[in-house]
Amino acid sequence: MITIHHGDNLQALAQFGDATFDFIYIDPPFNTGRTQRRDRLRTRRSLDGTRAGFGGHSYATELVGTSSFSDSFDDYLAFLAPRLAEAKRVLSATGGLMVHLDCREVHYVKVMLDSIFGRASFKNEIVWAYDYGARTTKRWSPKHDTILWYAKDPDRYTFRADESDRLPYMAPGLVTPEKRRRGKLPTDTWWHTIVSPTGREKTGYPTQKPLGIMERIVKVHTKPGDRLLDFFAGSGSFGDAADRHGRDVVLVDSSAEAIRVMKRRFAEREVRFLPARGRGGPRRRSALPDY
């Protein structure tokens, strides 16, 4: 079951009871300092098209829509801190949190998470590496994101390694035939392509993450029947993976465009749409540690 809240995520978090979720994944804005934009194009064969394609045919493209949002914060940590404190509150005793960021803010957010959860609760820094898009000649081209994984209780958490997809050995001649057939477990560096600009998975949302990454997280870090949460839901990739693998999931986003994308994406699924409003009275305030 997918439940989608449309509204401010801090207000939505205040509605959830203590220890009501088994796992949280979030992909917050990266604070790039610019507007994130993604154009949606329709391509058709045309004798006077400006693009060459397979078999020497020419194609014309038509702009059918644009998605965008501002990704700039004067005080990014002040924005994120109360939301992460609430995340800890709503996690179950054996729950886990993953925060997906890039190189701009990840180091500062890790220090803050160490303060909120405790340094012992830090389990992994996962590097998602990809190789797509423009290159620069002025520095090493940034082609990775970072996912920070924290366990609410560092001694009790879900990690089902046997449920992971497996990878081929890079030197198959050095291992036994049995190991070659089985493949090896991923490490903390995940090589995975981005969402194909022309593939069926593409929703048109500017910061959509690949379903393959989300499915690995869901299968290994949660169990069937667990209740999951993503309060920066965007295109709904985490919710899609959770639903495909039998987990109840709650998604929250304030963007009307994100809600429209998820409505299209989950048109054939069992979904509840709710406004993210408080219960009335003052919103619950989380105690924030110093950091």
C-alpha atoms as a PDB file:
ATOM      1  CA  MET A   1       0.000   0.000   0.000  1.00  0.00           C
ATOM      2  CA  ILE A   2       1.280   3.454  -0.959  1.00  0.00           C
ATOM      3  CA  THR A   3       0.165   6.526   0.987  1.00  0.00           C
ATOM      4  CA  ILE A   4       1.115   9.936  -0.413  1.00  0.00           C
ATOM      5  CA  HIS A   5       0.965  13.161   1.599  1.00  0.00           C
ATOM      6  CA  HIS A   6       1.001  16.439  -0.331  1.00  0.00           C
ATOM      7  CA  GLY A   7       2.416  19.175   1.864  1.00  0.00           C
ATOM      8  CA  ASP A   8       5.327  20.320   3.991  1.00  0.00           C
ATOM      9  CA  ASN A   9       7.256  17.307   5.241  1.00  0.00           C
ATOM     10  CA  LEU A  10       7.999  18.767   8.682  1.00  0.00           C
ATOM     11  CA  GLN A  11       4.288  19.233   9.232  1.00  0.00           C
ATOM     12  CA  ALA A  12       3.625  15.727   7.957  1.00  0.00           C
ATOM     13  CA  LEU A  13       6.283  14.231  10.243  1.00  0.00           C
ATOM     14  CA  ALA A  14       4.605  15.858  13.240  1.00  0.00           C
ATOM     15  CA  GLN A  15       1.494  13.766  12.516  1.00  0.00           C
ATOM     16  CA  PHE A  16       3.322  10.435  12.772  1.00  0.00           C
ATOM     17  CA  GLY A  17       3.614   8.667  16.100  1.00  0.00           C
ATOM     18  CA  ASP A  18       6.858   7.673  17.791  1.00  0.00           C
ATOM     19  CA  ALA A  19       8.540   4.528  16.403  1.00  0.00           C
ATOM     20  CA  THR A  20       6.000   4.042  13.605  1.00  0.00           C
ATOM     21  CA  PHE A  21       8.379   3.354  10.691  1.00  0.00           C
ATOM     22  CA  ASP A  22      10.905   0.557  10.184  1.00  0.00           C
ATOM     23  CA  PHE A  23      13.067   2.321   7.600  1.00  0.00           C
ATOM     24  CA  ILE A  24      13.428   5.808   6.125  1.00  0.00           C
ATOM     25  CA  TYR A  25      15.127   6.782   2.867  1.00  0.00           C
ATOM     26  CA  ILE A  26      15.336  10.428   1.844  1.00  0.00           C
ATOM     27  CA  ASP A  27      16.815  12.181  -1.166  1.00  0.00           C
ATOM     28  CA  PRO A  28      16.663  15.835  -0.073  1.00  0.00           C
ATOM     29  CA  PRO A  29      17.614  18.763  -2.308  1.00  0.00           C
ATOM     30  CA  PHE A  30      21.378  18.861  -2.820  1.00  0.00           C
ATOM     31  CA  ASN A  31      21.706  22.649  -2.386  1.00  0.00           C
ATOM     32  CA  THR A  32      23.296  23.065  -5.802  1.00  0.00           C
ATOM     33  CA  GLY A  33      22.544  26.791  -5.812  1.00  0.00           C
ATOM     34  CA  ARG A  34      20.645  26.614  -9.093  1.00  0.00           C
ATOM     35  CA  THR A  35      17.266  25.657 -10.515  1.00  0.00           C
ATOM     36  CA  GLN A  36      16.958  21.955 -11.326  1.00  0.00           C
ATOM     37  CA  ARG A  37      15.209  21.561 -14.673  1.00  0.00           C
ATOM     38  CA  ARG A  38      14.212  18.616 -16.836  1.00  0.00           C
ATOM     39  CA  ASP A  39      12.542  18.962 -20.248  1.00  0.00           C
ATOM     40  CA  ARG A  40      10.239  16.248 -21.558  1.00  0.00           C
ATOM     41  CA  LEU A  41      10.512  15.711 -25.317  1.00  0.00           C
ATOM     42  CA  ARG A  42       8.456  13.783 -27.862  1.00  0.00           C
ATOM     43  CA  THR A  43      10.354  12.482 -30.915  1.00  0.00           C
ATOM     44  CA  ARG A  44       8.801  11.546 -34.255  1.00  0.00           C
ATOM     45  CA  ARG A  45      10.122  10.640 -37.702  1.00  0.00           C
ATOM     46  CA  SER A  46      10.084  13.609 -40.050  1.00  0.00           C
ATOM     47  CA  LEU A  47      11.513  14.287 -43.494  1.00  0.00           C
ATOM     48  CA  ASP A  48      12.647  17.722 -42.377  1.00  0.00           C
ATOM     49  CA  GLY A  49      13.737  16.675 -38.882  1.00  0.00           C
ATOM     50  CA  THR A  50      16.899  18.093 -37.393  1.00  0.00           C
ATOM     51  CA  ARG A  51      18.080  14.927 -35.642  1.00  0.00           C
ATOM     52  CA  ALA A  52      19.594  11.897 -37.364  1.00  0.00           C
ATOM     53  CA  GLY A  53      18.603   8.481 -36.085  1.00  0.00           C
ATOM     54  CA  PHE A  54      18.824   4.755 -36.713  1.00  0.00           C
ATOM     55  CA  GLY A  55      18.914   3.732 -40.368  1.00  0.00           C
ATOM     56  CA  GLY A  56      19.621   7.245 -41.558  1.00  0.00           C
ATOM     57  CA  HIS A  57      16.114   8.483 -40.758  1.00  0.00           C
ATOM     58  CA  SER A  58      15.605  12.048 -39.591  1.00  0.00           C
ATOM     59  CA  TYR A  59      13.570  12.955 -36.527  1.00  0.00           C
ATOM     60  CA  ALA A  60      11.892  16.056 -35.137  1.00  0.00           C
ATOM     61  CA  THR A  61      11.489  16.705 -31.430  1.00  0.00           C
ATOM     62  CA  GLU A  62       8.715  18.561 -29.642  1.00  0.00           C
ATOM     63  CA  LEU A  63       8.873  19.991 -26.119  1.00  0.00           C
ATOM     64  CA  VAL A  64       5.851  18.602 -24.235  1.00  0.00           C
ATOM     65  CA  GLY A  65       6.629  19.747 -20.697  1.00  0.00           C
ATOM     66  CA  THR A  66       9.177  20.993 -18.212  1.00  0.00           C
ATOM     67  CA  SER A  67       9.760  20.156 -14.536  1.00  0.00           C
ATOM     68  CA  SER A  68      11.836  22.396 -12.304  1.00  0.00           C
ATOM     69  CA  PHE A  69      12.468  23.461  -8.727  1.00  0.00           C
ATOM     70  CA  SER A  70      14.789  25.857  -6.948  1.00  0.00           C
ATOM     71  CA  ASP A  71      17.654  24.064  -5.190  1.00  0.00           C
ATOM     72  CA  SER A  72      19.219  26.832  -3.097  1.00  0.00           C
ATOM     73  CA  PHE A  73      19.185  27.332   0.677  1.00  0.00           C
ATOM     74  CA  ASP A  74      20.718  30.141   2.731  1.00  0.00           C
ATOM     75  CA  ASP A  75      21.121  27.745   5.696  1.00  0.00           C
ATOM     76  CA  TYR A  76      20.838  24.176   4.479  1.00  0.00           C
ATOM     77  CA  LEU A  77      21.598  22.552   7.838  1.00  0.00           C
ATOM     78  CA  ALA A  78      18.977  24.635   9.622  1.00  0.00           C
ATOM     79  CA  PHE A  79      16.477  23.431   7.029  1.00  0.00           C
ATOM     80  CA  LEU A  80      17.438  19.763   7.340  1.00  0.00           C
ATOM     81  CA  ALA A  81      18.155  19.423  11.093  1.00  0.00           C
ATOM     82  CA  PRO A  82      14.564  19.408  12.460  1.00  0.00           C
ATOM     83  CA  ARG A  83      13.520  16.963   9.750  1.00  0.00           C
ATOM     84  CA  LEU A  84      16.305  14.533  10.658  1.00  0.00           C
ATOM     85  CA  ALA A  85      15.497  14.818  14.354  1.00  0.00           C
ATOM     86  CA  GLU A  86      11.884  13.950  13.567  1.00  0.00           C
ATOM     87  CA  ALA A  87      13.118  11.047  11.434  1.00  0.00           C
ATOM     88  CA  LYS A  88      14.860   9.573  14.458  1.00  0.00           C
ATOM     89  CA  ARG A  89      11.712   9.983  16.573  1.00  0.00           C
ATOM     90  CA  VAL A  90       9.439   8.144  14.130  1.00  0.00           C
ATOM     91  CA  LEU A  91      11.892   5.263  13.542  1.00  0.00           C
ATOM     92  CA  SER A  92      11.247   1.971  15.318  1.00  0.00           C
ATOM     93  CA  ALA A  93      13.801   0.639  17.798  1.00  0.00           C
ATOM     94  CA  THR A  94      15.425  -1.454  15.056  1.00  0.00           C
ATOM     95  CA  GLY A  95      14.874   1.080  12.277  1.00  0.00           C
ATOM     96  CA  GLY A  96      17.372   2.545   9.840  1.00  0.00           C
ATOM     97  CA  LEU A  97      17.824   5.797   7.944  1.00  0.00           C
ATOM     98  CA  MET A  98      19.484   6.498   4.598  1.00  0.00           C
ATOM     99  CA  VAL A  99      20.200  10.057   3.463  1.00  0.00           C
ATOM    100  CA  HIS A 100      21.128  10.507  -0.206  1.00  0.00           C
ATOM    101  CA  LEU A 101      23.343  13.533  -0.960  1.00  0.00           C
ATOM    102  CA  ASP A 102      26.237  14.677  -3.103  1.00  0.00           C
ATOM    103  CA  CYS A 103      29.640  16.181  -2.348  1.00  0.00           C
ATOM    104  CA  ARG A 104      28.349  19.699  -1.614  1.00  0.00           C
ATOM    105  CA  GLU A 105      26.696  19.014   1.757  1.00  0.00           C
ATOM    106  CA  VAL A 106      27.332  15.376   2.671  1.00  0.00           C
ATOM    107  CA  HIS A 107      30.259  16.049   5.049  1.00  0.00           C
ATOM    108  CA  TYR A 108      28.322  18.655   7.024  1.00  0.00           C
ATOM    109  CA  VAL A 109      25.211  16.472   7.158  1.00  0.00           C
ATOM    110  CA  LYS A 110      27.230  13.491   8.401  1.00  0.00           C
ATOM    111  CA  VAL A 111      28.525  15.533  11.352  1.00  0.00           C
ATOM    112  CA  MET A 112      24.949  16.561  12.113  1.00  0.00           C
ATOM    113  CA  LEU A 113      23.691  12.974  11.870  1.00  0.00           C
ATOM    114  CA  ASP A 114      26.475  11.807  14.194  1.00  0.00           C
ATOM    115  CA  SER A 115      25.153  14.321  16.713  1.00  0.00           C
ATOM    116  CA  ILE A 116      21.492  13.328  16.313  1.00  0.00           C
ATOM    117  CA  PHE A 117      21.900   9.540  16.150  1.00  0.00           C
ATOM    118  CA  GLY A 118      25.296   9.062  17.818  1.00  0.00           C
ATOM    119  CA  ARG A 119      28.517   8.183  16.023  1.00  0.00           C
ATOM    120  CA  ALA A 120      28.093   4.494  16.871  1.00  0.00           C
ATOM    121  CA  SER A 121      24.887   4.451  14.806  1.00  0.00           C
ATOM    122  CA  PHE A 122      26.758   5.250  11.595  1.00  0.00           C
ATOM    123  CA  LYS A 123      26.984   2.033   9.543  1.00  0.00           C
ATOM    124  CA  ASN A 124      28.077   2.917   5.987  1.00  0.00           C
ATOM    125  CA  GLU A 125      28.935   5.611   3.525  1.00  0.00           C
ATOM    126  CA  ILE A 126      27.717   4.166   0.228  1.00  0.00           C
ATOM    127  CA  VAL A 127      29.069   5.666  -2.975  1.00  0.00           C
ATOM    128  CA  TRP A 128      26.781   5.423  -5.987  1.00  0.00           C
ATOM    129  CA  ALA A 129      29.025   5.888  -9.024  1.00  0.00           C
ATOM    130  CA  TYR A 130      27.782   6.436 -12.563  1.00  0.00           C
ATOM    131  CA  ASP A 131      29.335   7.516 -15.833  1.00  0.00           C
ATOM    132  CA  TYR A 132      27.006   9.717 -17.836  1.00  0.00           C
ATOM    133  CA  GLY A 133      26.695  13.327 -18.899  1.00  0.00           C
ATOM    134  CA  ALA A 134      29.022  16.233 -19.536  1.00  0.00           C
ATOM    135  CA  ARG A 135      32.705  16.345 -18.592  1.00  0.00           C
ATOM    136  CA  THR A 136      34.805  19.239 -17.373  1.00  0.00           C
ATOM    137  CA  THR A 137      38.474  19.889 -18.136  1.00  0.00           C
ATOM    138  CA  LYS A 138      38.992  22.122 -15.085  1.00  0.00           C
ATOM    139  CA  ARG A 139      38.754  19.388 -12.404  1.00  0.00           C
ATOM    140  CA  TRP A 140      37.860  15.707 -12.038  1.00  0.00           C
ATOM    141  CA  SER A 141      34.275  15.406 -13.260  1.00  0.00           C
ATOM    142  CA  PRO A 142      31.957  14.590 -10.318  1.00  0.00           C
ATOM    143  CA  LYS A 143      30.176  11.336 -11.139  1.00  0.00           C
ATOM    144  CA  HIS A 144      28.972   9.964  -7.825  1.00  0.00           C
ATOM    145  CA  ASP A 145      26.438  10.504  -5.043  1.00  0.00           C
ATOM    146  CA  THR A 146      26.773   9.479  -1.394  1.00  0.00           C
ATOM    147  CA  ILE A 147      24.218   7.612   0.720  1.00  0.00           C
ATOM    148  CA  LEU A 148      24.716   7.746   4.506  1.00  0.00           C
ATOM    149  CA  TRP A 149      23.249   4.800   6.438  1.00  0.00           C
ATOM    150  CA  TYR A 150      22.458   5.057  10.157  1.00  0.00           C
ATOM    151  CA  ALA A 151      20.858   2.495  12.460  1.00  0.00           C
ATOM    152  CA  LYS A 152      18.787   3.845  15.353  1.00  0.00           C
ATOM    153  CA  ASP A 153      20.243   1.067  17.515  1.00  0.00           C
ATOM    154  CA  PRO A 154      23.767   0.212  16.292  1.00  0.00           C
ATOM    155  CA  ASP A 155      23.381  -3.364  17.552  1.00  0.00           C
ATOM    156  CA  ARG A 156      19.890  -4.107  16.199  1.00  0.00           C
ATOM    157  CA  TYR A 157      18.991  -3.394  12.582  1.00  0.00           C
ATOM    158  CA  THR A 158      17.955  -5.128   9.357  1.00  0.00           C
ATOM    159  CA  PHE A 159      20.643  -6.127   6.881  1.00  0.00           C
ATOM    160  CA  ARG A 160      19.646  -9.116   4.748  1.00  0.00           C
ATOM    161  CA  ALA A 161      22.722  -9.587   2.583  1.00  0.00           C
ATOM    162  CA  ASP A 162      21.377 -12.791   1.023  1.00  0.00           C
ATOM    163  CA  GLU A 163      18.519 -10.781  -0.519  1.00  0.00           C
ATOM    164  CA  SER A 164      20.897  -8.564  -2.491  1.00  0.00           C
ATOM    165  CA  ASP A 165      21.438  -8.805  -6.203  1.00  0.00           C
ATOM    166  CA  ARG A 166      24.887 -10.180  -6.978  1.00  0.00           C
ATOM    167  CA  LEU A 167      27.598  -8.986  -9.324  1.00  0.00           C
ATOM    168  CA  PRO A 168      29.898 -10.824 -11.741  1.00  0.00           C
ATOM    169  CA  TYR A 169      33.510 -11.270 -10.695  1.00  0.00           C
ATOM    170  CA  MET A 170      35.905  -8.947 -12.512  1.00  0.00           C
ATOM    171  CA  ALA A 171      38.502 -11.747 -12.652  1.00  0.00           C
ATOM    172  CA  PRO A 172      36.290 -14.852 -13.041  1.00  0.00           C
ATOM    173  CA  GLY A 173      39.270 -17.080 -13.782  1.00  0.00           C
ATOM    174  CA  LEU A 174      40.517 -16.630 -10.202  1.00  0.00           C
ATOM    175  CA  VAL A 175      37.418 -18.086  -8.510  1.00  0.00           C
ATOM    176  CA  THR A 176      35.665 -21.438  -8.576  1.00  0.00           C
ATOM    177  CA  PRO A 177      32.899 -22.192 -11.103  1.00  0.00           C
ATOM    178  CA  GLU A 178      30.400 -22.210  -8.227  1.00  0.00           C
ATOM    179  CA  LYS A 179      31.416 -18.692  -7.184  1.00  0.00           C
ATOM    180  CA  ARG A 180      31.285 -17.510 -10.791  1.00  0.00           C
ATOM    181  CA  ARG A 181      27.712 -18.764 -11.117  1.00  0.00           C
ATOM    182  CA  ARG A 182      26.626 -17.204  -7.828  1.00  0.00           C
ATOM    183  CA  GLY A 183      28.412 -13.889  -8.295  1.00  0.00           C
ATOM    184  CA  LYS A 184      29.632 -11.649  -5.493  1.00  0.00           C
ATOM    185  CA  LEU A 185      27.939  -9.277  -3.091  1.00  0.00           C
ATOM    186  CA  PRO A 186      28.191  -5.535  -3.771  1.00  0.00           C
ATOM    187  CA  THR A 187      30.513  -3.478  -1.577  1.00  0.00           C
ATOM    188  CA  ASP A 188      29.956   0.087  -0.380  1.00  0.00           C
ATOM    189  CA  THR A 189      30.631   1.332  -3.935  1.00  0.00           C
ATOM    190  CA  TRP A 190      27.641   0.808  -6.213  1.00  0.00           C
ATOM    191  CA  TRP A 191      28.171   1.157  -9.961  1.00  0.00           C
ATOM    192  CA  HIS A 192      24.781   1.754 -11.560  1.00  0.00           C
ATOM    193  CA  THR A 193      23.653   3.807 -14.526  1.00  0.00           C
ATOM    194  CA  ILE A 194      21.404   6.826 -14.084  1.00  0.00           C
ATOM    195  CA  VAL A 195      17.791   6.694 -15.268  1.00  0.00           C
ATOM    196  CA  SER A 196      17.967   6.500 -19.043  1.00  0.00           C
ATOM    197  CA  PRO A 197      16.771   9.756 -20.663  1.00  0.00           C
ATOM    198  CA  THR A 198      14.924   7.664 -23.271  1.00  0.00           C
ATOM    199  CA  GLY A 199      13.962   4.610 -21.181  1.00  0.00           C
ATOM    200  CA  ARG A 200      10.541   3.508 -19.971  1.00  0.00           C
ATOM    201  CA  GLU A 201      11.512   4.168 -16.359  1.00  0.00           C
ATOM    202  CA  LYS A 202      11.888   7.915 -16.964  1.00  0.00           C
ATOM    203  CA  THR A 203       9.153  10.058 -15.408  1.00  0.00           C
ATOM    204  CA  GLY A 204      10.461  13.499 -16.406  1.00  0.00           C
ATOM    205  CA  TYR A 205      11.136  14.523 -12.804  1.00  0.00           C
ATOM    206  CA  PRO A 206      14.483  16.403 -12.592  1.00  0.00           C
ATOM    207  CA  THR A 207      16.170  14.361  -9.847  1.00  0.00           C
ATOM    208  CA  GLN A 208      14.693  10.888 -10.388  1.00  0.00           C
ATOM    209  CA  LYS A 209      16.821   8.070  -8.949  1.00  0.00           C
ATOM    210  CA  PRO A 210      17.132   4.613 -10.563  1.00  0.00           C
ATOM    211  CA  LEU A 211      14.753   1.892  -9.497  1.00  0.00           C
ATOM    212  CA  GLY A 212      17.666  -0.577  -9.348  1.00  0.00           C
ATOM    213  CA  ILE A 213      19.343   1.398  -6.547  1.00  0.00           C
ATOM    214  CA  MET A 214      16.058   1.713  -4.650  1.00  0.00           C
ATOM    215  CA  GLU A 215      15.283  -2.008  -4.978  1.00  0.00           C
ATOM    216  CA  ARG A 216      18.666  -2.992  -3.564  1.00  0.00           C
ATOM    217  CA  ILE A 217      18.018  -0.783  -0.543  1.00  0.00           C
ATOM    218  CA  VAL A 218      14.500  -2.120   0.006  1.00  0.00           C
ATOM    219  CA  LYS A 219      15.411  -5.797  -0.361  1.00  0.00           C
ATOM    220  CA  VAL A 220      18.459  -5.705   1.916  1.00  0.00           C
ATOM    221  CA  HIS A 221      17.537  -3.113   4.552  1.00  0.00           C
ATOM    222  CA  THR A 222      13.846  -3.963   5.076  1.00  0.00           C
ATOM    223  CA  LYS A 223      11.602  -6.997   5.475  1.00  0.00           C
ATOM    224  CA  PRO A 224       8.242  -7.844   3.871  1.00  0.00           C
ATOM    225  CA  GLY A 225       5.506  -6.151   5.884  1.00  0.00           C
ATOM    226  CA  ASP A 226       7.774  -3.344   7.135  1.00  0.00           C
ATOM    227  CA  ARG A 227       6.464   0.226   7.068  1.00  0.00           C
ATOM    228  CA  LEU A 228       8.723   2.588   5.117  1.00  0.00           C
ATOM    229  CA  LEU A 229       8.912   6.359   4.732  1.00  0.00           C
ATOM    230  CA  ASP A 230      10.351   8.825   2.221  1.00  0.00           C
ATOM    231  CA  PHE A 231       9.550  12.438   3.080  1.00  0.00           C
ATOM    232  CA  PHE A 232      11.359  13.927   0.066  1.00  0.00           C
ATOM    233  CA  ALA A 233       9.545  11.624  -2.337  1.00  0.00           C
ATOM    234  CA  GLY A 234      10.083  13.453  -5.645  1.00  0.00           C
ATOM    235  CA  SER A 235       9.219  11.091  -8.498  1.00  0.00           C
ATOM    236  CA  GLY A 236       8.382   8.258  -6.070  1.00  0.00           C
ATOM    237  CA  SER A 237      11.189   5.826  -6.987  1.00  0.00           C
ATOM    238  CA  PHE A 238      11.640   4.622  -3.409  1.00  0.00           C
ATOM    239  CA  GLY A 239       7.890   4.137  -3.053  1.00  0.00           C
ATOM    240  CA  ASP A 240       7.808   2.205  -6.314  1.00  0.00           C
ATOM    241  CA  ALA A 241      10.539  -0.166  -5.107  1.00  0.00           C
ATOM    242  CA  ALA A 242       8.895  -0.583  -1.698  1.00  0.00           C
ATOM    243  CA  ASP A 243       5.507  -1.427  -3.209  1.00  0.00           C
ATOM    244  CA  ARG A 244       7.021  -3.871  -5.701  1.00  0.00           C
ATOM    245  CA  HIS A 245       8.525  -5.831  -2.797  1.00  0.00           C
ATOM    246  CA  GLY A 246       5.536  -5.967  -0.468  1.00  0.00           C
ATOM    247  CA  ARG A 247       6.303  -3.101   1.892  1.00  0.00           C
ATOM    248  CA  ASP A 248       3.835  -0.456   3.039  1.00  0.00           C
ATOM    249  CA  VAL A 249       5.274   2.949   2.235  1.00  0.00           C
ATOM    250  CA  VAL A 250       4.413   6.554   3.068  1.00  0.00           C
ATOM    251  CA  LEU A 251       5.613   9.271   0.685  1.00  0.00           C
ATOM    252  CA  VAL A 252       5.619  13.019   1.362  1.00  0.00           C
ATOM    253  CA  ASP A 253       6.342  15.911  -0.986  1.00  0.00           C
ATOM    254  CA  SER A 254       5.347  19.566  -1.102  1.00  0.00           C
ATOM    255  CA  SER A 255       5.757  19.898  -4.866  1.00  0.00           C
ATOM    256  CA  ALA A 256       2.598  19.820  -6.966  1.00  0.00           C
ATOM    257  CA  GLU A 257       4.732  18.574  -9.878  1.00  0.00           C
ATOM    258  CA  ALA A 258       6.012  15.640  -7.773  1.00  0.00           C
ATOM    259  CA  ILE A 259       2.437  14.727  -6.855  1.00  0.00           C
ATOM    260  CA  ARG A 260       1.396  14.814 -10.529  1.00  0.00           C
ATOM    261  CA  VAL A 261       4.356  12.589 -11.464  1.00  0.00           C
ATOM    262  CA  MET A 262       3.495  10.068  -8.735  1.00  0.00           C
ATOM    263  CA  LYS A 263      -0.181  10.028  -9.736  1.00  0.00           C
ATOM    264  CA  ARG A 264       0.859   9.054 -13.253  1.00  0.00           C
ATOM    265  CA  ARG A 265       3.461   6.571 -12.029  1.00  0.00           C
ATOM    266  CA  PHE A 266       1.108   4.799  -9.623  1.00  0.00           C
ATOM    267  CA  ALA A 267      -2.059   5.022 -11.702  1.00  0.00           C
ATOM    268  CA  GLU A 268      -2.487   1.232 -11.618  1.00  0.00           C
ATOM    269  CA  ARG A 269      -1.543   0.807  -7.935  1.00  0.00           C
ATOM    270  CA  GLU A 270      -3.440   0.976  -4.655  1.00  0.00           C
ATOM    271  CA  VAL A 271      -2.682   4.511  -3.465  1.00  0.00           C
ATOM    272  CA  ARG A 272      -4.108   6.913  -0.867  1.00  0.00           C
ATOM    273  CA  PHE A 273      -3.559  10.650  -1.300  1.00  0.00           C
ATOM    274  CA  LEU A 274      -3.699  12.796   1.829  1.00  0.00           C
ATOM    275  CA  PRO A 275      -2.987  16.459   2.626  1.00  0.00           C
ATOM    276  CA  ALA A 276      -0.065  16.877   5.059  1.00  0.00           C
ATOM    277  CA  ARG A 277      -1.892  18.974   7.656  1.00  0.00           C
ATOM    278  CA  GLY A 278      -1.351  19.085  11.382  1.00  0.00           C
ATOM    279  CA  ARG A 279      -3.898  17.842  13.884  1.00  0.00           C
ATOM    280  CA  GLY A 280      -4.514  21.323  15.181  1.00  0.00           C
ATOM    281  CA  GLY A 281      -2.697  23.132  17.927  1.00  0.00           C
ATOM    282  CA  PRO A 282       1.046  23.688  18.012  1.00  0.00           C
ATOM    283  CA  ARG A 283       3.291  21.419  15.997  1.00  0.00           C
ATOM    284  CA  ARG A 284       5.431  19.014  17.954  1.00  0.00           C
ATOM    285  CA  ARG A 285       8.986  20.291  18.328  1.00  0.00           C
ATOM    286  CA  SER A 286      11.868  17.824  18.360  1.00  0.00           C
ATOM    287  CA  ALA A 287      14.734  18.352  20.760  1.00  0.00           C
ATOM    288  CA  LEU A 288      17.738  19.180  18.601  1.00  0.00           C
ATOM    289  CA  PRO A 289      21.222  18.406  19.908  1.00  0.00           C
ATOM    290  CA  ASP A 290      24.063  20.858  19.476  1.00  0.00           C
ATOM    291  CA  TYR A 291      26.397  20.150  16.566  1.00  0.00           C
END
